C-alpha atoms as a PDB file:
ATOM      1  CA  GLN A   1      54.921  33.993 132.280  1.00  0.00           C
ATOM      2  CA  ALA A   2      57.088  30.891 132.151  1.00  0.00           C
ATOM      3  CA  ARG A   3      57.008  28.934 128.929  1.00  0.00           C
ATOM      4  CA  LEU A   4      58.990  25.974 127.585  1.00  0.00           C
ATOM      5  CA  VAL A   5      58.572  25.083 123.908  1.00  0.00           C
ATOM      6  CA  GLU A   6      59.919  21.821 122.528  1.00  0.00           C
ATOM      7  CA  ARG A   7      60.718  21.276 118.858  1.00  0.00           C
ATOM      8  CA  GLY A   8      62.263  18.585 116.737  1.00  0.00           C
ATOM      9  CA  GLY A   9      60.122  15.513 117.232  1.00  0.00           C
ATOM     10  CA  GLY A  10      58.987  13.368 114.364  1.00  0.00           C
ATOM     11  CA  LEU A  11      59.038   9.968 112.721  1.00  0.00           C
ATOM     12  CA  VAL A  12      62.366   8.262 112.124  1.00  0.00           C
ATOM     13  CA  GLN A  13      63.511   4.758 111.254  1.00  0.00           C
ATOM     14  CA  ALA A  14      65.373   2.644 113.762  1.00  0.00           C
ATOM     15  CA  GLY A  15      69.041   3.575 113.766  1.00  0.00           C
ATOM     16  CA  GLY A  16      68.301   7.147 112.799  1.00  0.00           C
ATOM     17  CA  SER A  17      68.789  10.407 114.658  1.00  0.00           C
ATOM     18  CA  LEU A  18      66.759  13.338 115.880  1.00  0.00           C
ATOM     19  CA  ARG A  19      67.662  16.513 117.691  1.00  0.00           C
ATOM     20  CA  LEU A  20      65.171  17.979 120.113  1.00  0.00           C
ATOM     21  CA  SER A  21      65.313  21.537 121.350  1.00  0.00           C
ATOM     22  CA  CYS A  22      63.516  23.302 124.164  1.00  0.00           C
ATOM     23  CA  THR A  23      63.505  27.077 124.366  1.00  0.00           C
ATOM     24  CA  ALA A  24      62.500  28.795 127.567  1.00  0.00           C
ATOM     25  CA  SER A  25      61.029  32.219 128.129  1.00  0.00           C
ATOM     26  CA  GLY A  26      59.899  34.027 131.250  1.00  0.00           C
ATOM     27  CA  ILE A  27      62.379  32.229 133.515  1.00  0.00           C
ATOM     28  CA  THR A  28      65.990  32.717 134.604  1.00  0.00           C
ATOM     29  CA  PHE A  29      67.082  29.806 132.469  1.00  0.00           C
ATOM     30  CA  LYS A  30      70.737  29.633 133.495  1.00  0.00           C
ATOM     31  CA  ILE A  31      70.027  28.876 137.155  1.00  0.00           C
ATOM     32  CA  TYR A  32      67.933  25.765 136.537  1.00  0.00           C
ATOM     33  CA  THR A  33      68.804  22.150 136.062  1.00  0.00           C
ATOM     34  CA  MET A  34      67.112  21.256 132.784  1.00  0.00           C
ATOM     35  CA  GLY A  35      65.831  17.829 131.957  1.00  0.00           C
ATOM     36  CA  TRP A  36      64.277  15.754 129.226  1.00  0.00           C
ATOM     37  CA  PHE A  37      61.617  13.267 130.236  1.00  0.00           C
ATOM     38  CA  ARG A  38      59.568  10.886 128.136  1.00  0.00           C
ATOM     39  CA  GLN A  39      56.291   9.093 128.455  1.00  0.00           C
ATOM     40  CA  ALA A  40      55.276   6.128 126.335  1.00  0.00           C
ATOM     41  CA  PRO A  41      51.641   5.001 126.092  1.00  0.00           C
ATOM     42  CA  GLY A  42      50.593   3.189 129.234  1.00  0.00           C
ATOM     43  CA  LYS A  43      53.829   3.971 131.032  1.00  0.00           C
ATOM     44  CA  GLN A  44      54.937   6.472 133.639  1.00  0.00           C
ATOM     45  CA  ARG A  45      56.908   9.525 132.699  1.00  0.00           C
ATOM     46  CA  GLU A  46      60.617   8.855 133.123  1.00  0.00           C
ATOM     47  CA  LEU A  47      63.757  10.944 133.223  1.00  0.00           C
ATOM     48  CA  VAL A  48      65.904  10.582 130.115  1.00  0.00           C
ATOM     49  CA  ALA A  49      68.687  13.079 130.775  1.00  0.00           C
ATOM     50  CA  ARG A  50      69.389  16.207 132.767  1.00  0.00           C
ATOM     51  CA  ILE A  51      71.983  18.928 132.772  1.00  0.00           C
ATOM     52  CA  SER A  52      72.712  21.102 135.766  1.00  0.00           C
ATOM     53  CA  SER A  53      73.438  24.801 135.757  1.00  0.00           C
ATOM     54  CA  ASP A  54      77.175  24.014 135.816  1.00  0.00           C
ATOM     55  CA  GLY A  55      76.890  21.592 132.889  1.00  0.00           C
ATOM     56  CA  THR A  56      76.967  18.316 134.804  1.00  0.00           C
ATOM     57  CA  THR A  57      74.987  15.679 132.914  1.00  0.00           C
ATOM     58  CA  THR A  58      73.210  12.490 133.900  1.00  0.00           C
ATOM     59  CA  TYR A  59      71.495   9.900 131.719  1.00  0.00           C
ATOM     60  CA  GLU A  60      69.044   7.084 132.096  1.00  0.00           C
ATOM     61  CA  ASP A  61      70.890   3.794 131.551  1.00  0.00           C
ATOM     62  CA  SER A  62      69.128   2.807 128.333  1.00  0.00           C
ATOM     63  CA  VAL A  63      70.172   6.000 126.518  1.00  0.00           C
ATOM     64  CA  LYS A  64      73.780   6.240 127.688  1.00  0.00           C
ATOM     65  CA  GLY A  65      76.115   6.419 124.723  1.00  0.00           C
ATOM     66  CA  ARG A  66      73.266   7.226 122.335  1.00  0.00           C
ATOM     67  CA  PHE A  67      71.765  10.490 123.629  1.00  0.00           C
ATOM     68  CA  THR A  68      73.536  13.730 124.478  1.00  0.00           C
ATOM     69  CA  ILE A  69      72.029  16.620 126.415  1.00  0.00           C
ATOM     70  CA  SER A  70      73.484  20.107 126.113  1.00  0.00           C
ATOM     71  CA  ARG A  71      72.454  23.665 126.829  1.00  0.00           C
ATOM     72  CA  ASP A  72      73.043  27.134 125.468  1.00  0.00           C
ATOM     73  CA  ASN A  73      72.340  29.693 128.160  1.00  0.00           C
ATOM     74  CA  ALA A  74      72.737  32.578 125.713  1.00  0.00           C
ATOM     75  CA  TRP A  75      69.693  31.258 123.828  1.00  0.00           C
ATOM     76  CA  ASN A  76      67.799  29.829 126.820  1.00  0.00           C
ATOM     77  CA  THR A  77      67.757  26.496 125.039  1.00  0.00           C
ATOM     78  CA  VAL A  78      68.434  22.898 125.983  1.00  0.00           C
ATOM     79  CA  PHE A  79      69.042  20.218 123.370  1.00  0.00           C
ATOM     80  CA  LEU A  80      68.756  16.453 123.220  1.00  0.00           C
ATOM     81  CA  GLN A  81      70.717  14.796 120.439  1.00  0.00           C
ATOM     82  CA  MET A  82      69.354  11.297 119.948  1.00  0.00           C
ATOM     83  CA  ASN A  83      71.352   8.822 117.867  1.00  0.00           C
ATOM     84  CA  SER A  84      70.911   5.116 117.143  1.00  0.00           C
ATOM     85  CA  LEU A  85      67.231   5.413 117.907  1.00  0.00           C
ATOM     86  CA  LYS A  86      65.275   2.294 118.774  1.00  0.00           C
ATOM     87  CA  PRO A  87      61.543   1.562 118.592  1.00  0.00           C
ATOM     88  CA  GLU A  88      61.483   1.534 122.400  1.00  0.00           C
ATOM     89  CA  ASP A  89      62.486   5.206 122.362  1.00  0.00           C
ATOM     90  CA  THR A  90      59.039   6.016 120.980  1.00  0.00           C
ATOM     91  CA  ALA A  91      57.335   8.412 123.389  1.00  0.00           C
ATOM     92  CA  VAL A  92      56.266  11.967 123.981  1.00  0.00           C
ATOM     93  CA  TYR A  93      59.353  13.876 125.099  1.00  0.00           C
ATOM     94  CA  TYR A  94      58.971  16.683 127.620  1.00  0.00           C
ATOM     95  CA  CYS A  95      61.309  19.446 128.631  1.00  0.00           C
ATOM     96  CA  ASN A  96      61.565  20.313 132.315  1.00  0.00           C
ATOM     97  CA  ALA A  97      63.074  23.133 134.332  1.00  0.00           C
ATOM     98  CA  ASP A  98      63.712  21.908 137.854  1.00  0.00           C
ATOM     99  CA  ARG A  99      62.142  24.687 139.853  1.00  0.00           C
ATOM    100  CA  LYS A 100      61.227  23.523 143.336  1.00  0.00           C
ATOM    101  CA  PRO A 101      58.658  22.723 144.496  1.00  0.00           C
ATOM    102  CA  TYR A 102      56.847  23.157 141.186  1.00  0.00           C
ATOM    103  CA  PRO A 103      58.881  22.501 138.070  1.00  0.00           C
ATOM    104  CA  TYR A 104      58.137  24.027 134.720  1.00  0.00           C
ATOM    105  CA  TRP A 105      57.081  21.706 131.885  1.00  0.00           C
ATOM    106  CA  GLY A 106      56.796  22.028 128.149  1.00  0.00           C
ATOM    107  CA  GLN A 107      53.876  20.710 126.147  1.00  0.00           C
ATOM    108  CA  GLY A 108      55.807  17.749 124.758  1.00  0.00           C
ATOM    109  CA  THR A 109      56.892  16.597 121.332  1.00  0.00           C
ATOM    110  CA  GLN A 110      56.180  13.189 119.819  1.00  0.00           C
ATOM    111  CA  VAL A 111      59.072  10.950 118.808  1.00  0.00           C
ATOM    112  CA  THR A 112      58.176   7.823 116.871  1.00  0.00           C
ATOM    113  CA  VAL A 113      60.801   5.276 115.868  1.00  0.00           C
ATOM    114  CA  SER A 114      59.729   2.697 113.316  1.00  0.00           C
ATOM    115  CA  SER A 115      61.312  -0.731 113.095  1.00  0.00           C
END
């Protein structure tokens, strides 16, 4: 059974850093593009960053230069290093494995950035 488990969320002051991790089980992790999405209260879920199976990365404009996505296929884990955090980064962050037509999702982890 496929399972994605996110860790690393929490409360941090503006300007601080957090590192999220997402560990997968029950899937062939290395073949999937992995992504981090976020959803703030009252807003739609949005893509933050993704990393393809060959390591190509893409970022949403507002996080470029602050966030870094990486993966470790040996540990079936994808990471999101978040630096220079801003209050507007506050959201539930979700891990995603881009299986088509039905992607896999984690349960989410809360990130709260205080001003």
